[in-house]
Amino acid sequence: MYACIHSPGNLPLLIECARGFSPYIEETSPDTVVFDVRGLESLHGPPPQLAREIERRVGLPANIAIAANPDAAIHAARGIRGITTIPKGREAEALAPLSLNLLGGSAETADLLDLWGIRSFGDFAKLPPLGVAARLGEEGLWLQRLARGEDHRQLRPLEDPLQFEESMDLDHPVELLEPLSFILARLLNEICRRLRARALSAGQIRLRLILENAPEHFTALEMPVPMLDEKAFLKMLQLDLSARPPAAPVLKVLLSAEPVKPRRTQQGLFVPATPEPEKLELTIARIKHFAGADKAGAAVLVDTNRPDSFVLRSFAPRPVSSQPKPSALFSAQQADPRLALRRYRPPRYAQVIVIHERPARITSPALSGSVVMAKGPWRTSGDWWQQEDWNRDEWDIEVAAGGLYRLFQELNSRRWFIEGSYD
């Protein structure tokens, strides 16, 4: 079954209404759209009830027709006022009263049919096909099938770019965050509604604010996973604007979303429950607001040999992996235990007495005592071509009071530091 909506001068509204029923939409003309409604009987009832639902949603005067093939629905909607439902097999009967002007075709064919006295679909449908083929050729046979409602074809789906953008020009400049939040909430609701209609989520939210006598303000929120929660988006934008307020009153708001496929996850029975990505991202946004944007995220190692070098980047959870096999668990339990270094950040300054080029005694607020065993040194250096190079000797020591520690000396400054303790 195919439904057609005809209303002059309202194509955007017709397309928006059709998208609420089907993703397969054809823009037949600037005032007509036809779309596939097969399988919607279970949701909206039989064709007459479905047509009334389409009329209710379109929200403006329009002709609506439902038929078994798209061309029959198009002709009925363009030629019959109100709602029309055509049962399968009765297309020729329903289309018979329509004027032949709605059929289309070349000007030569239209002039010849007018000379023959053919004025309606029904008159044309009664002509013998062999005579039509002999005088009008292939075009005549095709037009006669349309007049009888017998032509079947596939829709030519409307392919528009997936752009989810909303903007609003403000009548008066806005300076406060509270009234700006109402505008952002309205735009976010519209964008999320359109994303849901396409079964999509957002991977990034971009906000541009056109300011009065100042450069525009730009904000981009990167999502760790596809998300579709307008309340979470609004709160994250509020936190960002609170931390980095616009430099001048706002004249125009432009909001856009990067569409991505929604996430599909299936948790294992023995995997610990994790926070929902929306709540976790909102919590991270609050931490960044209070502690700073560079103080929250996931630690990522830097491509260098410099000890304890890492940067913080946006948190992105790893996909849930399958449970290890029992043999793997058994192997892990049988592995040799290893010492773990608990680093001090920052390293703690210490005074060290060296005897025979080996640490003999250490004194610091965190640790004091004689060194009973020292292994080393292990020299590491790098970044000598930059201003912040490093060059140091590392030692593993055991103190008399008990405990293993890592000690290092910066060779450039000759200072000693305690880097951490071994567990």
Protein backbone atom coordinates (compact mmCIF):
# COMPACT_ATOMS: atom_id res chain seq x y z
CA MET A 1 0.00 0.00 0.00
CA TYR A 2 1.11 3.53 -0.80
CA ALA A 3 -0.16 6.82 0.56
CA CYS A 4 -0.03 10.17 -1.23
CA ILE A 5 -0.48 13.68 0.18
CA HIS A 6 -1.25 16.60 -2.14
CA SER A 7 -1.29 20.18 -0.88
CA PRO A 8 -0.03 23.15 -2.95
CA GLY A 9 2.77 25.21 -1.46
CA ASN A 10 3.53 23.08 1.61
CA LEU A 11 6.18 20.58 0.50
CA PRO A 12 8.40 20.77 3.65
CA LEU A 13 5.41 20.06 5.89
CA LEU A 14 4.30 17.20 3.66
CA ILE A 15 7.76 15.60 3.78
CA GLU A 16 7.96 16.01 7.56
CA CYS A 17 4.55 14.36 7.96
CA ALA A 18 5.48 11.48 5.64
CA ARG A 19 8.68 10.84 7.62
CA GLY A 20 6.54 10.09 10.64
CA PHE A 21 5.12 7.06 8.80
CA SER A 22 7.83 5.75 6.48
CA PRO A 23 11.49 6.22 5.52
CA TYR A 24 10.66 5.59 1.84
CA ILE A 25 9.35 8.90 0.51
CA GLU A 26 9.19 10.14 -3.08
CA GLU A 27 8.85 13.82 -3.91
CA THR A 28 6.65 13.57 -6.99
CA SER A 29 6.14 17.32 -7.52
CA PRO A 30 6.52 20.54 -5.47
CA ASP A 31 3.10 19.88 -3.93
CA THR A 32 2.87 16.06 -3.80
CA VAL A 33 4.65 13.31 -1.88
CA VAL A 34 4.01 9.57 -1.94
CA PHE A 35 5.36 7.07 0.59
CA ASP A 36 5.26 3.36 1.44
CA VAL A 37 2.77 2.44 4.19
CA ARG A 38 2.93 -1.34 3.96
CA GLY A 39 2.79 -3.00 7.36
CA LEU A 40 1.25 -0.03 9.18
CA GLU A 41 -2.17 -1.65 9.54
CA SER A 42 -1.12 -3.22 12.84
CA LEU A 43 -0.29 0.24 14.22
CA HIS A 44 -2.97 2.48 12.75
CA GLY A 45 -5.70 0.13 11.58
CA PRO A 46 -7.18 -0.39 8.09
CA PRO A 47 -6.50 2.09 5.22
CA PRO A 48 -9.42 4.47 6.00
CA GLN A 49 -8.26 4.82 9.61
CA LEU A 50 -4.64 5.22 8.50
CA ALA A 51 -5.69 7.98 6.07
CA ARG A 52 -7.46 9.85 8.88
CA GLU A 53 -4.34 9.58 11.04
CA ILE A 54 -2.26 11.05 8.18
CA GLU A 55 -4.80 13.88 7.84
CA ARG A 56 -4.59 14.59 11.56
CA ARG A 57 -0.79 14.75 11.54
CA VAL A 58 -0.36 16.82 8.41
CA GLY A 59 -2.16 19.70 10.11
CA LEU A 60 -3.28 21.57 6.95
CA PRO A 61 -5.86 21.17 4.16
CA ALA A 62 -4.68 18.36 1.90
CA ASN A 63 -5.92 15.59 -0.36
CA ILE A 64 -4.91 12.12 0.83
CA ALA A 65 -5.16 8.88 -1.12
CA ILE A 66 -4.14 5.30 -0.36
CA ALA A 67 -3.85 2.70 -3.13
CA ALA A 68 -2.05 -0.52 -3.97
CA ASN A 69 0.44 1.22 -6.31
CA PRO A 70 2.05 4.66 -6.07
CA ASP A 71 0.79 6.12 -9.37
CA ALA A 72 -2.84 5.29 -8.57
CA ALA A 73 -2.45 7.01 -5.20
CA ILE A 74 -0.82 10.06 -6.84
CA HIS A 75 -3.58 10.50 -9.44
CA ALA A 76 -6.32 10.01 -6.84
CA ALA A 77 -4.79 12.58 -4.48
CA ARG A 78 -4.38 15.14 -7.26
CA GLY A 79 -7.83 14.65 -8.70
CA ILE A 80 -10.14 13.77 -5.78
CA ARG A 81 -10.74 16.08 -2.82
CA GLY A 82 -10.46 14.84 0.76
CA ILE A 83 -9.59 11.27 1.72
CA THR A 84 -9.66 8.45 -0.83
CA THR A 85 -8.89 4.79 -0.22
CA ILE A 86 -8.81 2.48 -3.26
CA PRO A 87 -9.12 -1.28 -2.66
CA LYS A 88 -6.75 -3.45 -4.62
CA GLY A 89 -8.21 -4.43 -8.00
CA ARG A 90 -10.63 -1.46 -8.18
CA GLU A 91 -8.13 1.18 -9.30
CA ALA A 92 -9.68 1.61 -12.77
CA GLU A 93 -13.13 2.19 -11.29
CA ALA A 94 -11.87 4.80 -8.80
CA LEU A 95 -9.76 6.67 -11.36
CA ALA A 96 -12.29 6.61 -14.21
CA PRO A 97 -13.88 10.06 -13.51
CA LEU A 98 -10.52 11.90 -13.40
CA SER A 99 -9.64 14.39 -16.12
CA LEU A 100 -7.11 13.19 -18.66
CA ASN A 101 -5.01 16.32 -18.00
CA LEU A 102 -3.73 14.64 -14.83
CA LEU A 103 -2.25 11.74 -16.78
CA GLY A 104 0.68 13.64 -18.30
CA GLY A 105 2.55 12.43 -21.36
CA SER A 106 3.83 14.27 -24.42
CA ALA A 107 1.97 17.18 -26.04
CA GLU A 108 1.52 15.23 -29.30
CA THR A 109 -0.21 12.35 -27.49
CA ALA A 110 -2.43 14.77 -25.55
CA ASP A 111 -3.50 16.55 -28.78
CA LEU A 112 -4.29 13.26 -30.51
CA LEU A 113 -6.40 12.00 -27.58
CA ASP A 114 -8.25 15.33 -27.54
CA LEU A 115 -9.04 14.93 -31.27
CA TRP A 116 -10.41 11.46 -30.53
CA GLY A 117 -12.70 12.93 -27.89
CA ILE A 118 -10.97 11.17 -24.97
CA ARG A 119 -11.54 13.35 -21.88
CA SER A 120 -11.21 11.07 -18.83
CA PHE A 121 -9.22 8.18 -17.46
CA GLY A 122 -12.20 5.91 -17.97
CA ASP A 123 -12.54 6.80 -21.68
CA PHE A 124 -8.85 6.10 -22.26
CA ALA A 125 -8.95 2.81 -20.28
CA LYS A 126 -11.76 1.46 -22.53
CA LEU A 127 -9.73 1.75 -25.73
CA PRO A 128 -8.36 -1.55 -27.12
CA PRO A 129 -4.65 -1.95 -26.23
CA LEU A 130 -3.71 -3.10 -29.74
CA GLY A 131 -5.15 0.04 -31.31
CA VAL A 132 -3.46 2.25 -28.72
CA ALA A 133 -0.10 0.52 -29.40
CA ALA A 134 -0.52 0.92 -33.19
CA ARG A 135 -1.32 4.65 -33.01
CA LEU A 136 0.46 5.90 -29.86
CA GLY A 137 3.29 3.40 -29.48
CA GLU A 138 4.94 2.44 -26.21
CA GLU A 139 4.05 5.75 -24.56
CA GLY A 140 0.37 5.16 -25.24
CA LEU A 141 0.41 1.72 -23.65
CA TRP A 142 2.19 3.09 -20.58
CA LEU A 143 -0.32 5.93 -20.21
CA GLN A 144 -3.22 3.49 -20.59
CA ARG A 145 -1.81 1.30 -17.79
CA LEU A 146 -1.63 4.41 -15.59
CA ALA A 147 -5.25 5.27 -16.44
CA ARG A 148 -6.31 1.76 -15.43
CA GLY A 149 -4.19 1.84 -12.26
CA GLU A 150 -2.27 -1.23 -13.39
CA ASP A 151 1.27 0.16 -13.54
CA HIS A 152 3.56 -1.01 -10.72
CA ARG A 153 6.94 0.55 -10.00
CA GLN A 154 9.35 1.17 -7.14
CA LEU A 155 9.51 4.50 -5.37
CA ARG A 156 12.39 6.86 -6.03
CA PRO A 157 13.28 7.59 -2.38
CA LEU A 158 14.02 11.14 -1.38
CA GLU A 159 17.69 11.40 -0.42
CA ASP A 160 18.38 14.53 1.54
CA PRO A 161 21.63 15.20 3.44
CA LEU A 162 21.61 14.10 7.05
CA GLN A 163 22.04 17.56 8.54
CA PHE A 164 20.66 18.12 11.99
CA GLU A 165 20.94 21.84 12.55
CA GLU A 166 18.75 24.38 14.28
CA SER A 167 19.20 28.12 14.67
CA MET A 168 17.37 31.04 16.24
CA ASP A 169 17.78 34.78 15.74
CA LEU A 170 17.13 36.64 18.97
CA ASP A 171 14.97 39.75 19.04
CA HIS A 172 17.09 41.22 21.83
CA PRO A 173 20.68 40.41 22.90
CA VAL A 174 20.83 37.82 25.68
CA GLU A 175 23.45 38.22 28.39
CA LEU A 176 22.39 35.75 31.12
CA LEU A 177 22.81 31.99 31.03
CA GLU A 178 19.27 31.22 32.26
CA PRO A 179 17.34 32.68 29.29
CA LEU A 180 19.96 31.23 26.93
CA SER A 181 19.32 27.80 28.47
CA PHE A 182 15.62 27.97 27.51
CA ILE A 183 16.62 28.61 23.90
CA LEU A 184 19.16 25.76 23.93
CA ALA A 185 16.57 23.38 25.41
CA ARG A 186 14.13 24.17 22.61
CA LEU A 187 16.72 23.63 19.87
CA LEU A 188 18.02 20.43 21.49
CA ASN A 189 14.52 18.99 21.75
CA GLU A 190 13.95 19.58 18.04
CA ILE A 191 17.29 18.07 17.01
CA CYS A 192 16.82 15.01 19.23
CA ARG A 193 13.29 14.53 17.90
CA ARG A 194 14.59 14.47 14.33
CA LEU A 195 17.40 12.09 15.30
CA ARG A 196 14.90 9.69 16.91
CA ALA A 197 12.76 9.79 13.76
CA ARG A 198 15.79 8.53 11.81
CA ALA A 199 16.84 5.99 14.49
CA LEU A 200 20.14 7.85 15.00
CA SER A 201 22.15 9.23 17.92
CA ALA A 202 24.57 12.12 18.34
CA GLY A 203 28.34 11.71 18.39
CA GLN A 204 29.08 15.41 18.76
CA ILE A 205 27.13 18.54 19.69
CA ARG A 206 28.36 21.85 18.26
CA LEU A 207 27.21 25.25 19.49
CA ARG A 208 27.93 28.58 17.79
CA LEU A 209 26.93 31.87 19.35
CA ILE A 210 26.95 35.03 17.25
CA LEU A 211 27.89 37.83 19.64
CA GLU A 212 27.37 41.57 19.64
CA ASN A 213 30.56 43.36 18.54
CA ALA A 214 32.73 40.36 19.44
CA PRO A 215 34.06 37.19 17.77
CA GLU A 216 31.65 34.25 17.78
CA HIS A 217 31.72 31.76 20.64
CA PHE A 218 32.17 28.09 19.65
CA THR A 219 31.73 24.94 21.74
CA ALA A 220 32.05 21.30 20.65
CA LEU A 221 31.04 18.44 22.94
CA GLU A 222 32.57 15.09 21.97
CA MET A 223 30.54 12.12 23.16
CA PRO A 224 32.42 8.98 24.24
CA VAL A 225 29.59 6.82 22.90
CA PRO A 226 26.54 7.63 20.76
CA MET A 227 24.05 9.46 22.98
CA LEU A 228 20.52 10.83 22.62
CA ASP A 229 19.57 12.55 25.87
CA GLU A 230 18.58 16.21 25.47
CA LYS A 231 18.68 16.79 29.24
CA ALA A 232 22.28 15.55 29.47
CA PHE A 233 23.26 17.64 26.42
CA LEU A 234 21.69 20.74 27.95
CA LYS A 235 23.45 20.26 31.29
CA MET A 236 26.83 19.76 29.61
CA LEU A 237 26.35 22.92 27.53
CA GLN A 238 25.35 24.85 30.66
CA LEU A 239 28.50 23.69 32.48
CA ASP A 240 30.68 24.63 29.52
CA LEU A 241 29.08 28.08 29.16
CA SER A 242 29.37 28.62 32.90
CA ALA A 243 33.10 27.84 32.78
CA ARG A 244 33.66 29.78 29.53
CA PRO A 245 30.94 32.45 29.29
CA PRO A 246 30.51 34.38 26.02
CA ALA A 247 32.49 37.60 25.81
CA ALA A 248 29.44 39.67 24.76
CA PRO A 249 25.63 39.46 24.54
CA VAL A 250 24.30 36.75 22.22
CA LEU A 251 22.49 37.74 19.01
CA LYS A 252 22.03 34.34 17.33
CA VAL A 253 22.23 30.69 18.42
CA LEU A 254 23.24 27.89 16.02
CA LEU A 255 23.16 24.30 17.24
CA SER A 256 24.06 21.17 15.28
CA ALA A 257 24.56 17.45 15.94
CA GLU A 258 26.80 14.93 14.22
CA PRO A 259 24.58 11.90 13.48
CA VAL A 260 25.95 8.43 14.22
CA LYS A 261 24.43 4.98 14.54
CA PRO A 262 23.11 4.20 18.02
CA ARG A 263 25.15 1.90 20.21
CA ARG A 264 24.22 -1.73 20.61
CA THR A 265 25.51 -3.34 23.80
CA GLN A 266 24.82 -6.62 25.52
CA GLN A 267 26.25 -7.05 29.01
CA GLY A 268 27.52 -10.42 30.15
CA LEU A 269 26.07 -12.20 33.14
CA PHE A 270 29.36 -12.06 35.04
CA VAL A 271 30.49 -8.55 34.01
CA PRO A 272 30.26 -5.93 36.78
CA ALA A 273 27.60 -3.29 36.20
CA THR A 274 29.01 0.01 34.92
CA PRO A 275 27.46 3.49 35.01
CA GLU A 276 25.32 4.55 32.09
CA PRO A 277 27.44 6.52 29.55
CA GLU A 278 25.08 9.52 29.76
CA LYS A 279 25.41 9.79 33.54
CA LEU A 280 29.15 9.16 33.43
CA GLU A 281 29.72 11.85 30.80
CA LEU A 282 27.63 14.32 32.80
CA THR A 283 29.67 13.54 35.92
CA ILE A 284 32.91 14.08 34.02
CA ALA A 285 31.55 17.40 32.71
CA ARG A 286 30.84 18.52 36.29
CA ILE A 287 34.37 17.52 37.38
CA LYS A 288 35.87 19.48 34.49
CA HIS A 289 33.74 22.46 35.46
CA PHE A 290 35.08 22.54 39.02
CA ALA A 291 38.61 21.17 38.56
CA GLY A 292 39.45 22.33 35.03
CA ALA A 293 39.16 20.82 31.57
CA ASP A 294 42.69 19.36 31.77
CA LYS A 295 42.12 17.65 35.14
CA ALA A 296 39.60 14.97 34.13
CA GLY A 297 39.68 12.19 31.57
CA ALA A 298 41.37 8.90 30.82
CA ALA A 299 45.16 8.61 31.18
CA VAL A 300 46.85 7.81 27.86
CA LEU A 301 50.56 7.00 27.62
CA VAL A 302 52.69 9.33 25.53
CA ASP A 303 54.93 7.89 22.82
CA THR A 304 58.16 8.48 24.75
CA ASN A 305 60.52 6.69 27.13
CA ARG A 306 60.25 9.48 29.69
CA PRO A 307 59.08 7.95 33.00
CA ASP A 308 55.53 8.63 34.13
CA SER A 309 54.56 10.49 30.94
CA PHE A 310 50.86 10.56 30.12
CA VAL A 311 48.11 12.92 29.02
CA LEU A 312 44.41 13.11 29.86
CA ARG A 313 41.96 12.63 27.02
CA SER A 314 38.22 12.27 26.76
CA PHE A 315 36.96 9.09 28.36
CA ALA A 316 35.83 6.41 25.89
CA PRO A 317 34.86 3.05 27.39
CA ARG A 318 36.15 -0.08 25.76
CA PRO A 319 33.67 -2.59 24.34
CA VAL A 320 32.77 -5.38 26.70
CA SER A 321 34.90 -8.39 25.97
CA SER A 322 33.87 -11.98 26.38
CA GLN A 323 34.63 -13.82 29.59
CA PRO A 324 38.03 -15.55 29.70
CA LYS A 325 38.05 -19.28 29.51
CA PRO A 326 38.65 -21.28 32.71
CA SER A 327 42.06 -22.34 31.41
CA ALA A 328 43.04 -18.69 30.99
CA LEU A 329 41.90 -17.91 34.52
CA PHE A 330 43.91 -20.85 35.86
CA SER A 331 47.02 -19.69 33.98
CA ALA A 332 46.62 -16.16 35.36
CA GLN A 333 46.35 -17.50 38.91
CA GLN A 334 49.48 -19.63 38.46
CA ALA A 335 51.58 -16.72 37.10
CA ASP A 336 54.53 -15.56 39.16
CA PRO A 337 53.70 -12.60 41.45
CA ARG A 338 55.31 -9.30 40.51
CA LEU A 339 56.05 -6.14 42.46
CA ALA A 340 53.89 -3.13 41.70
CA LEU A 341 55.29 0.39 41.95
CA ARG A 342 53.02 2.88 43.71
CA ARG A 343 54.20 6.22 42.32
CA TYR A 344 54.27 9.45 44.29
CA ARG A 345 52.89 12.37 42.33
CA PRO A 346 54.84 14.55 42.46
CA PRO A 347 58.04 12.69 43.46
CA ARG A 348 59.14 13.51 47.00
CA TYR A 349 62.38 15.37 47.54
CA ALA A 350 65.04 13.58 49.64
CA GLN A 351 68.57 14.08 50.95
CA VAL A 352 70.84 11.11 50.29
CA ILE A 353 74.30 10.33 51.68
CA VAL A 354 76.37 8.49 49.06
CA ILE A 355 79.24 6.19 50.06
CA HIS A 356 81.35 4.54 47.37
CA GLU A 357 78.95 5.91 44.74
CA ARG A 358 76.01 4.07 46.30
CA PRO A 359 73.14 5.45 48.47
CA ALA A 360 73.87 4.76 52.12
CA ARG A 361 71.35 6.87 54.04
CA ILE A 362 68.20 8.71 53.07
CA THR A 363 66.39 11.54 54.81
CA SER A 364 63.03 13.02 53.75
CA PRO A 365 59.65 13.92 55.31
CA ALA A 366 58.22 10.68 53.90
CA LEU A 367 61.10 8.32 54.61
CA SER A 368 64.27 8.25 56.69
CA GLY A 369 66.78 5.54 57.53
CA SER A 370 69.81 3.59 56.49
CA VAL A 371 69.90 1.85 53.14
CA VAL A 372 70.63 -1.85 53.65
CA MET A 373 70.53 -2.78 49.98
CA ALA A 374 70.72 -0.77 46.76
CA LYS A 375 70.50 -2.03 43.19
CA GLY A 376 71.48 0.22 40.30
CA PRO A 377 72.07 2.65 38.85
CA TRP A 378 69.94 2.46 35.70
CA ARG A 379 70.51 5.56 33.62
CA THR A 380 67.71 6.96 31.46
CA SER A 381 67.73 10.12 29.40
CA GLY A 382 65.95 11.71 26.49
CA ASP A 383 64.44 14.79 24.87
CA TRP A 384 67.91 16.32 24.83
CA TRP A 385 66.86 18.36 21.78
CA GLN A 386 64.09 20.08 23.76
CA GLN A 387 64.14 22.49 26.64
CA GLU A 388 62.55 20.00 29.05
CA ASP A 389 64.98 17.12 28.72
CA TRP A 390 65.62 14.48 31.36
CA ASN A 391 68.77 12.69 32.49
CA ARG A 392 68.74 10.61 35.65
CA ASP A 393 69.99 7.53 37.51
CA GLU A 394 67.47 5.18 39.10
CA TRP A 395 68.02 2.93 42.17
CA ASP A 396 65.93 0.29 43.89
CA ILE A 397 66.63 0.44 47.63
CA GLU A 398 65.63 -1.33 50.85
CA VAL A 399 65.74 0.65 54.10
CA ALA A 400 66.52 -0.72 57.54
CA ALA A 401 63.00 -0.06 58.84
CA GLY A 402 61.62 -2.24 56.07
CA GLY A 403 60.18 -1.42 52.70
CA LEU A 404 61.32 -1.24 49.07
CA TYR A 405 61.48 2.07 47.24
CA ARG A 406 62.55 3.53 43.93
CA LEU A 407 65.04 6.36 44.17
CA PHE A 408 66.42 8.54 41.38
CA GLN A 409 68.89 11.38 41.01
CA GLU A 410 68.56 14.14 38.43
CA LEU A 411 72.05 14.36 37.02
CA ASN A 412 71.60 17.93 35.74
CA SER A 413 70.60 19.35 39.16
CA ARG A 414 72.23 16.59 41.32
CA ARG A 415 69.00 16.39 43.37
CA TRP A 416 67.51 13.15 44.74
CA PHE A 417 63.83 12.13 44.74
CA ILE A 418 61.75 9.20 45.97
CA GLU A 419 59.64 8.11 42.98
CA GLY A 420 57.50 5.53 44.71
CA SER A 421 57.22 2.43 46.86
CA TYR A 422 56.89 -1.21 45.88
CA ASP A 423 53.87 -3.20 47.04
